[in-house]
Amino acid sequence: MTVKFTFFHDVLCPFCYITSKRLMKIVKEYQGEVRVVHKAFMIISSLEDLKAAAPDEESAVNLFRGEFSILKNYLKDYDPDKVLSKGKIKWVWSLPPLMACKAAEHQGGEDMHWKYFDALQDKFFLEGEDVTQDDVLLSTAMSLGLDMNKFKEEYKSKKAKLEVLEDEEEAHAMGLRGVPAILVNDKWLIRGVPEEEKIRSVINDVLKNGEPRETELKAYWEK
């Protein structure tokens, strides 16, 4: 038996950054007993709306400073000002990096989606790179050994965009309004940023009982 986690996330989401790192660590511990499916959810879905909210570079940087500062609650010695001082992050939105994640998935499945997503998050939150830029998206693909001709054809394709939008529609149909969110076996939902022990307890419970009996989880349609 395997446990299926459907992980809704965004490259630009600091809470997703922490959840992804924790989940990746735990999945390795279970050696094939947990399958992770990756779904896109845009927290900044419109470049125009972003520029309306942050009309100049200073306001855009301040907006992201607030997001980056969230990581101070989870990462010791994390300095958002040091990351942002590189001056590359201004008007950054969700669609381009999420489309690139889909292009990576086309070549290497869910595992490659996750590796690419993880690498982009590191570039964004640790290196202060603008993950909407072609050079960043392409160099990340190259570093992971992807077929660059194929990736160049797909990371801006209608197919990749449609896949992101379909994920978004699925999330909204389920009643999801934010990320991170982990759907367990297509039914039960882990919201927010779960502790590692919470994730392990859910996995152990489902592996043992076929459903969460010893952990408190609600189906995604329950409030």
C-alpha atoms as a PDB file:
ATOM      1  CA  MET A   1       0.000   0.000   0.000  1.00  0.00           C
ATOM      2  CA  THR A   2       1.098   3.548  -0.688  1.00  0.00           C
ATOM      3  CA  VAL A   3      -0.116   6.874   0.629  1.00  0.00           C
ATOM      4  CA  LYS A   4      -0.847   9.511  -2.009  1.00  0.00           C
ATOM      5  CA  PHE A   5      -0.159  13.136  -1.135  1.00  0.00           C
ATOM      6  CA  THR A   6      -1.399  15.758  -3.594  1.00  0.00           C
ATOM      7  CA  PHE A   7       0.653  18.845  -2.783  1.00  0.00           C
ATOM      8  CA  PHE A   8      -0.799  22.191  -3.916  1.00  0.00           C
ATOM      9  CA  HIS A   9       1.902  24.859  -3.915  1.00  0.00           C
ATOM     10  CA  ASP A  10       3.490  27.944  -5.453  1.00  0.00           C
ATOM     11  CA  VAL A  11       7.173  28.660  -6.015  1.00  0.00           C
ATOM     12  CA  LEU A  12       6.664  32.134  -4.474  1.00  0.00           C
ATOM     13  CA  CYS A  13       5.027  30.858  -1.277  1.00  0.00           C
ATOM     14  CA  PRO A  14       7.290  30.914   1.829  1.00  0.00           C
ATOM     15  CA  PHE A  15       5.015  28.522   3.706  1.00  0.00           C
ATOM     16  CA  CYS A  16       5.263  26.123   0.754  1.00  0.00           C
ATOM     17  CA  TYR A  17       9.044  26.373   1.006  1.00  0.00           C
ATOM     18  CA  ILE A  18       9.044  25.029   4.556  1.00  0.00           C
ATOM     19  CA  THR A  19       6.368  22.415   3.872  1.00  0.00           C
ATOM     20  CA  SER A  20       8.172  21.161   0.772  1.00  0.00           C
ATOM     21  CA  LYS A  21      11.477  20.752   2.608  1.00  0.00           C
ATOM     22  CA  ARG A  22       9.815  18.867   5.466  1.00  0.00           C
ATOM     23  CA  LEU A  23       7.790  16.670   3.154  1.00  0.00           C
ATOM     24  CA  MET A  24      10.765  15.854   0.949  1.00  0.00           C
ATOM     25  CA  LYS A  25      12.765  14.737   3.978  1.00  0.00           C
ATOM     26  CA  ILE A  26       9.976  12.490   5.257  1.00  0.00           C
ATOM     27  CA  VAL A  27       9.112  10.925   1.894  1.00  0.00           C
ATOM     28  CA  LYS A  28      12.707   9.705   1.633  1.00  0.00           C
ATOM     29  CA  GLU A  29      12.306   7.948   4.975  1.00  0.00           C
ATOM     30  CA  TYR A  30       9.400   5.852   3.711  1.00  0.00           C
ATOM     31  CA  GLN A  31      11.181   4.472   0.634  1.00  0.00           C
ATOM     32  CA  GLY A  32       8.364   4.305  -1.888  1.00  0.00           C
ATOM     33  CA  GLU A  33       5.421   4.062   0.519  1.00  0.00           C
ATOM     34  CA  VAL A  34       4.441   7.684  -0.170  1.00  0.00           C
ATOM     35  CA  ARG A  35       3.681   9.098  -3.598  1.00  0.00           C
ATOM     36  CA  VAL A  36       3.598  12.875  -4.037  1.00  0.00           C
ATOM     37  CA  VAL A  37       1.626  14.508  -6.861  1.00  0.00           C
ATOM     38  CA  HIS A  38       2.335  18.194  -7.469  1.00  0.00           C
ATOM     39  CA  LYS A  39      -0.332  20.768  -8.262  1.00  0.00           C
ATOM     40  CA  ALA A  40       0.050  24.474  -9.018  1.00  0.00           C
ATOM     41  CA  PHE A  41      -1.727  27.226  -7.118  1.00  0.00           C
ATOM     42  CA  MET A  42      -0.903  30.835  -7.967  1.00  0.00           C
ATOM     43  CA  ILE A  43      -0.675  33.255  -5.063  1.00  0.00           C
ATOM     44  CA  ILE A  44       0.125  36.110  -7.476  1.00  0.00           C
ATOM     45  CA  SER A  45      -1.896  35.232 -10.548  1.00  0.00           C
ATOM     46  CA  SER A  46      -1.739  38.565 -12.403  1.00  0.00           C
ATOM     47  CA  LEU A  47       1.261  40.748 -13.149  1.00  0.00           C
ATOM     48  CA  GLU A  48      -1.096  43.664 -13.740  1.00  0.00           C
ATOM     49  CA  ASP A  49      -2.721  43.278 -10.329  1.00  0.00           C
ATOM     50  CA  LEU A  50       0.694  43.077  -8.692  1.00  0.00           C
ATOM     51  CA  LYS A  51       1.815  46.307 -10.350  1.00  0.00           C
ATOM     52  CA  ALA A  52      -1.448  47.964  -9.313  1.00  0.00           C
ATOM     53  CA  ALA A  53      -0.716  47.033  -5.695  1.00  0.00           C
ATOM     54  CA  ALA A  54       2.995  47.846  -5.981  1.00  0.00           C
ATOM     55  CA  PRO A  55       3.341  50.542  -8.668  1.00  0.00           C
ATOM     56  CA  ASP A  56       7.041  51.255  -8.108  1.00  0.00           C
ATOM     57  CA  GLU A  57      10.116  49.135  -7.438  1.00  0.00           C
ATOM     58  CA  GLU A  58      10.396  50.134  -3.793  1.00  0.00           C
ATOM     59  CA  SER A  59       6.843  49.095  -2.995  1.00  0.00           C
ATOM     60  CA  ALA A  60       7.337  45.811  -4.872  1.00  0.00           C
ATOM     61  CA  VAL A  61      10.454  45.006  -2.853  1.00  0.00           C
ATOM     62  CA  ASN A  62       8.656  45.893   0.380  1.00  0.00           C
ATOM     63  CA  LEU A  63       5.821  43.579  -0.564  1.00  0.00           C
ATOM     64  CA  PHE A  64       8.206  40.683  -0.972  1.00  0.00           C
ATOM     65  CA  ARG A  65      10.154  41.660   2.144  1.00  0.00           C
ATOM     66  CA  GLY A  66       7.030  40.832   4.100  1.00  0.00           C
ATOM     67  CA  GLU A  67       6.811  37.422   2.433  1.00  0.00           C
ATOM     68  CA  PHE A  68      10.506  36.646   2.872  1.00  0.00           C
ATOM     69  CA  SER A  69      10.373  37.698   6.536  1.00  0.00           C
ATOM     70  CA  ILE A  70       8.006  34.794   7.206  1.00  0.00           C
ATOM     71  CA  LEU A  71      10.971  32.445   6.834  1.00  0.00           C
ATOM     72  CA  LYS A  72      12.622  34.053   9.864  1.00  0.00           C
ATOM     73  CA  ASN A  73      10.110  32.110  11.952  1.00  0.00           C
ATOM     74  CA  TYR A  74      11.419  28.803  10.578  1.00  0.00           C
ATOM     75  CA  LEU A  75      15.052  29.243   9.524  1.00  0.00           C
ATOM     76  CA  LYS A  76      17.707  30.241  12.024  1.00  0.00           C
ATOM     77  CA  ASP A  77      19.778  33.264  10.956  1.00  0.00           C
ATOM     78  CA  TYR A  78      17.697  33.815   7.809  1.00  0.00           C
ATOM     79  CA  ASP A  79      18.134  37.409   6.613  1.00  0.00           C
ATOM     80  CA  PRO A  80      15.533  38.560   4.064  1.00  0.00           C
ATOM     81  CA  ASP A  81      17.212  41.939   3.623  1.00  0.00           C
ATOM     82  CA  LYS A  82      20.456  40.263   2.586  1.00  0.00           C
ATOM     83  CA  VAL A  83      18.605  38.236  -0.055  1.00  0.00           C
ATOM     84  CA  LEU A  84      16.623  41.191  -1.369  1.00  0.00           C
ATOM     85  CA  SER A  85      19.652  43.485  -1.384  1.00  0.00           C
ATOM     86  CA  LYS A  86      20.792  41.781  -4.585  1.00  0.00           C
ATOM     87  CA  GLY A  87      18.112  43.870  -6.297  1.00  0.00           C
ATOM     88  CA  LYS A  88      16.813  41.227  -8.689  1.00  0.00           C
ATOM     89  CA  ILE A  89      13.370  40.714  -7.176  1.00  0.00           C
ATOM     90  CA  LYS A  90      10.829  43.368  -8.070  1.00  0.00           C
ATOM     91  CA  TRP A  91       7.615  42.438  -9.902  1.00  0.00           C
ATOM     92  CA  VAL A  92       7.601  38.651  -9.665  1.00  0.00           C
ATOM     93  CA  TRP A  93       4.480  36.622 -10.287  1.00  0.00           C
ATOM     94  CA  SER A  94       3.464  32.985 -10.112  1.00  0.00           C
ATOM     95  CA  LEU A  95       2.631  31.769 -13.601  1.00  0.00           C
ATOM     96  CA  PRO A  96       6.069  31.640 -15.335  1.00  0.00           C
ATOM     97  CA  PRO A  97       7.850  29.488 -12.715  1.00  0.00           C
ATOM     98  CA  LEU A  98       4.849  27.192 -12.314  1.00  0.00           C
ATOM     99  CA  MET A  99       4.700  26.651 -16.082  1.00  0.00           C
ATOM    100  CA  ALA A 100       8.400  25.814 -16.021  1.00  0.00           C
ATOM    101  CA  CYS A 101       7.733  23.244 -13.294  1.00  0.00           C
ATOM    102  CA  LYS A 102       5.186  21.620 -15.593  1.00  0.00           C
ATOM    103  CA  ALA A 103       7.738  21.534 -18.412  1.00  0.00           C
ATOM    104  CA  ALA A 104      10.181  19.787 -16.087  1.00  0.00           C
ATOM    105  CA  GLU A 105       7.453  17.304 -15.146  1.00  0.00           C
ATOM    106  CA  HIS A 106       6.886  16.487 -18.821  1.00  0.00           C
ATOM    107  CA  GLN A 107      10.425  15.102 -18.935  1.00  0.00           C
ATOM    108  CA  GLY A 108      10.881  13.481 -15.541  1.00  0.00           C
ATOM    109  CA  GLY A 109       7.465  13.046 -13.979  1.00  0.00           C
ATOM    110  CA  GLU A 110       6.550  14.067 -10.455  1.00  0.00           C
ATOM    111  CA  ASP A 111      10.077  13.575  -9.122  1.00  0.00           C
ATOM    112  CA  MET A 112      11.531  16.028 -11.634  1.00  0.00           C
ATOM    113  CA  HIS A 113       8.702  18.499 -10.984  1.00  0.00           C
ATOM    114  CA  TRP A 114       9.677  18.462  -7.313  1.00  0.00           C
ATOM    115  CA  LYS A 115      13.409  18.760  -7.961  1.00  0.00           C
ATOM    116  CA  TYR A 116      12.810  21.708 -10.276  1.00  0.00           C
ATOM    117  CA  PHE A 117      10.317  23.343  -7.898  1.00  0.00           C
ATOM    118  CA  ASP A 118      12.766  22.915  -5.007  1.00  0.00           C
ATOM    119  CA  ALA A 119      15.648  24.388  -7.002  1.00  0.00           C
ATOM    120  CA  LEU A 120      13.565  27.411  -8.024  1.00  0.00           C
ATOM    121  CA  GLN A 121      12.470  28.020  -4.451  1.00  0.00           C
ATOM    122  CA  ASP A 122      16.107  27.982  -3.322  1.00  0.00           C
ATOM    123  CA  LYS A 123      16.993  30.465  -6.047  1.00  0.00           C
ATOM    124  CA  PHE A 124      14.132  32.740  -5.011  1.00  0.00           C
ATOM    125  CA  PHE A 125      14.275  32.622  -1.229  1.00  0.00           C
ATOM    126  CA  LEU A 126      17.983  31.987  -0.674  1.00  0.00           C
ATOM    127  CA  GLU A 127      19.701  33.573  -3.680  1.00  0.00           C
ATOM    128  CA  GLY A 128      17.295  36.408  -4.435  1.00  0.00           C
ATOM    129  CA  GLU A 129      16.864  35.452  -8.093  1.00  0.00           C
ATOM    130  CA  ASP A 130      13.891  36.571 -10.188  1.00  0.00           C
ATOM    131  CA  VAL A 131      12.351  33.204 -11.036  1.00  0.00           C
ATOM    132  CA  THR A 132      10.252  34.667 -13.839  1.00  0.00           C
ATOM    133  CA  GLN A 133      13.319  35.379 -15.949  1.00  0.00           C
ATOM    134  CA  ASP A 134      14.309  33.125 -18.835  1.00  0.00           C
ATOM    135  CA  ASP A 135      17.953  32.849 -17.792  1.00  0.00           C
ATOM    136  CA  VAL A 136      17.004  31.601 -14.321  1.00  0.00           C
ATOM    137  CA  LEU A 137      14.420  29.127 -15.580  1.00  0.00           C
ATOM    138  CA  LEU A 138      16.746  27.795 -18.273  1.00  0.00           C
ATOM    139  CA  SER A 139      19.855  27.541 -16.096  1.00  0.00           C
ATOM    140  CA  THR A 140      17.839  25.633 -13.482  1.00  0.00           C
ATOM    141  CA  ALA A 141      16.680  23.171 -16.120  1.00  0.00           C
ATOM    142  CA  MET A 142      20.239  22.748 -17.354  1.00  0.00           C
ATOM    143  CA  SER A 143      21.548  22.128 -13.822  1.00  0.00           C
ATOM    144  CA  LEU A 144      19.081  19.237 -13.467  1.00  0.00           C
ATOM    145  CA  GLY A 145      20.142  17.638 -16.740  1.00  0.00           C
ATOM    146  CA  LEU A 146      16.917  18.250 -18.632  1.00  0.00           C
ATOM    147  CA  ASP A 147      16.776  18.106 -22.418  1.00  0.00           C
ATOM    148  CA  MET A 148      17.147  21.809 -23.123  1.00  0.00           C
ATOM    149  CA  ASN A 149      15.637  21.760 -26.607  1.00  0.00           C
ATOM    150  CA  LYS A 150      12.508  20.113 -25.284  1.00  0.00           C
ATOM    151  CA  PHE A 151      12.381  22.359 -22.232  1.00  0.00           C
ATOM    152  CA  LYS A 152      12.678  25.512 -24.362  1.00  0.00           C
ATOM    153  CA  GLU A 153       9.748  24.331 -26.433  1.00  0.00           C
ATOM    154  CA  GLU A 154       7.550  23.639 -23.432  1.00  0.00           C
ATOM    155  CA  TYR A 155       8.200  26.048 -20.551  1.00  0.00           C
ATOM    156  CA  LYS A 156       6.199  28.812 -22.249  1.00  0.00           C
ATOM    157  CA  SER A 157       3.782  26.520 -24.068  1.00  0.00           C
ATOM    158  CA  LYS A 158       0.005  26.644 -24.063  1.00  0.00           C
ATOM    159  CA  LYS A 159       0.050  23.100 -22.697  1.00  0.00           C
ATOM    160  CA  ALA A 160       2.036  24.099 -19.610  1.00  0.00           C
ATOM    161  CA  LYS A 161      -0.165  27.145 -19.025  1.00  0.00           C
ATOM    162  CA  LEU A 162      -3.333  25.088 -19.354  1.00  0.00           C
ATOM    163  CA  GLU A 163      -2.016  22.544 -16.847  1.00  0.00           C
ATOM    164  CA  VAL A 164      -1.375  25.290 -14.291  1.00  0.00           C
ATOM    165  CA  LEU A 165      -4.838  26.753 -14.818  1.00  0.00           C
ATOM    166  CA  GLU A 166      -6.455  23.315 -14.570  1.00  0.00           C
ATOM    167  CA  ASP A 167      -4.706  22.719 -11.230  1.00  0.00           C
ATOM    168  CA  GLU A 168      -5.972  26.079 -10.035  1.00  0.00           C
ATOM    169  CA  GLU A 169      -9.535  25.280 -11.076  1.00  0.00           C
ATOM    170  CA  GLU A 170      -9.336  21.942  -9.268  1.00  0.00           C
ATOM    171  CA  ALA A 171      -8.147  23.645  -6.081  1.00  0.00           C
ATOM    172  CA  HIS A 172     -10.929  26.217  -6.178  1.00  0.00           C
ATOM    173  CA  ALA A 173     -13.530  23.528  -6.872  1.00  0.00           C
ATOM    174  CA  MET A 174     -12.331  21.779  -3.712  1.00  0.00           C
ATOM    175  CA  GLY A 175     -12.715  24.984  -1.750  1.00  0.00           C
ATOM    176  CA  LEU A 176      -9.000  25.677  -1.358  1.00  0.00           C
ATOM    177  CA  ARG A 177      -8.193  29.356  -1.037  1.00  0.00           C
ATOM    178  CA  GLY A 178      -4.526  29.202  -0.165  1.00  0.00           C
ATOM    179  CA  VAL A 179      -1.399  27.065  -0.017  1.00  0.00           C
ATOM    180  CA  PRO A 180       0.321  24.962   1.122  1.00  0.00           C
ATOM    181  CA  ALA A 181      -2.349  22.269   1.152  1.00  0.00           C
ATOM    182  CA  ILE A 182      -1.816  18.511   1.078  1.00  0.00           C
ATOM    183  CA  LEU A 183      -4.624  16.200   0.014  1.00  0.00           C
ATOM    184  CA  VAL A 184      -4.262  12.686   1.432  1.00  0.00           C
ATOM    185  CA  ASN A 185      -5.507   9.840  -0.784  1.00  0.00           C
ATOM    186  CA  ASP A 186      -7.732  12.282  -2.696  1.00  0.00           C
ATOM    187  CA  LYS A 187      -9.945  12.910   0.338  1.00  0.00           C
ATOM    188  CA  TRP A 188      -8.454  14.188   3.592  1.00  0.00           C
ATOM    189  CA  LEU A 189      -6.735  17.545   3.839  1.00  0.00           C
ATOM    190  CA  ILE A 190      -3.662  18.743   5.721  1.00  0.00           C
ATOM    191  CA  ARG A 191      -3.789  22.528   5.814  1.00  0.00           C
ATOM    192  CA  GLY A 192      -1.091  25.043   6.634  1.00  0.00           C
ATOM    193  CA  VAL A 193       2.494  24.169   7.538  1.00  0.00           C
ATOM    194  CA  PRO A 194       2.462  20.778   9.275  1.00  0.00           C
ATOM    195  CA  GLU A 195       5.205  19.737  11.664  1.00  0.00           C
ATOM    196  CA  GLU A 196       7.273  16.749  10.587  1.00  0.00           C
ATOM    197  CA  GLU A 197       5.720  14.559  13.279  1.00  0.00           C
ATOM    198  CA  LYS A 198       2.242  15.449  12.043  1.00  0.00           C
ATOM    199  CA  ILE A 199       3.150  14.279   8.540  1.00  0.00           C
ATOM    200  CA  ARG A 200       4.668  11.060   9.859  1.00  0.00           C
ATOM    201  CA  SER A 201       1.661  10.334  12.051  1.00  0.00           C
ATOM    202  CA  VAL A 202      -0.697  10.736   9.088  1.00  0.00           C
ATOM    203  CA  ILE A 203       1.409   8.417   6.921  1.00  0.00           C
ATOM    204  CA  ASN A 204       1.673   5.771   9.633  1.00  0.00           C
ATOM    205  CA  ASP A 205      -2.043   5.993  10.366  1.00  0.00           C
ATOM    206  CA  VAL A 206      -3.092   5.559   6.733  1.00  0.00           C
ATOM    207  CA  LEU A 207      -0.575   2.782   6.106  1.00  0.00           C
ATOM    208  CA  LYS A 208      -1.898   0.945   9.175  1.00  0.00           C
ATOM    209  CA  ASN A 209      -5.630   1.605   8.894  1.00  0.00           C
ATOM    210  CA  GLY A 210      -6.246   2.582   5.287  1.00  0.00           C
ATOM    211  CA  GLU A 211      -7.622   5.910   6.494  1.00  0.00           C
ATOM    212  CA  PRO A 212      -6.833   8.455   9.211  1.00  0.00           C
ATOM    213  CA  ARG A 213      -8.310   6.925  12.380  1.00  0.00           C
ATOM    214  CA  GLU A 214      -5.692   7.959  14.924  1.00  0.00           C
ATOM    215  CA  THR A 215      -5.021  11.437  13.543  1.00  0.00           C
ATOM    216  CA  GLU A 216      -7.529  14.262  13.221  1.00  0.00           C
ATOM    217  CA  LEU A 217      -8.077  14.987   9.548  1.00  0.00           C
ATOM    218  CA  LYS A 218     -11.189  16.214   7.788  1.00  0.00           C
ATOM    219  CA  ALA A 219     -12.247  15.519   4.244  1.00  0.00           C
ATOM    220  CA  TYR A 220     -11.572  18.492   1.984  1.00  0.00           C
ATOM    221  CA  TRP A 221     -15.278  19.335   1.731  1.00  0.00           C
ATOM    222  CA  GLU A 222     -15.692  19.580   5.507  1.00  0.00           C
ATOM    223  CA  LYS A 223     -15.205  22.865   7.317  1.00  0.00           C
END
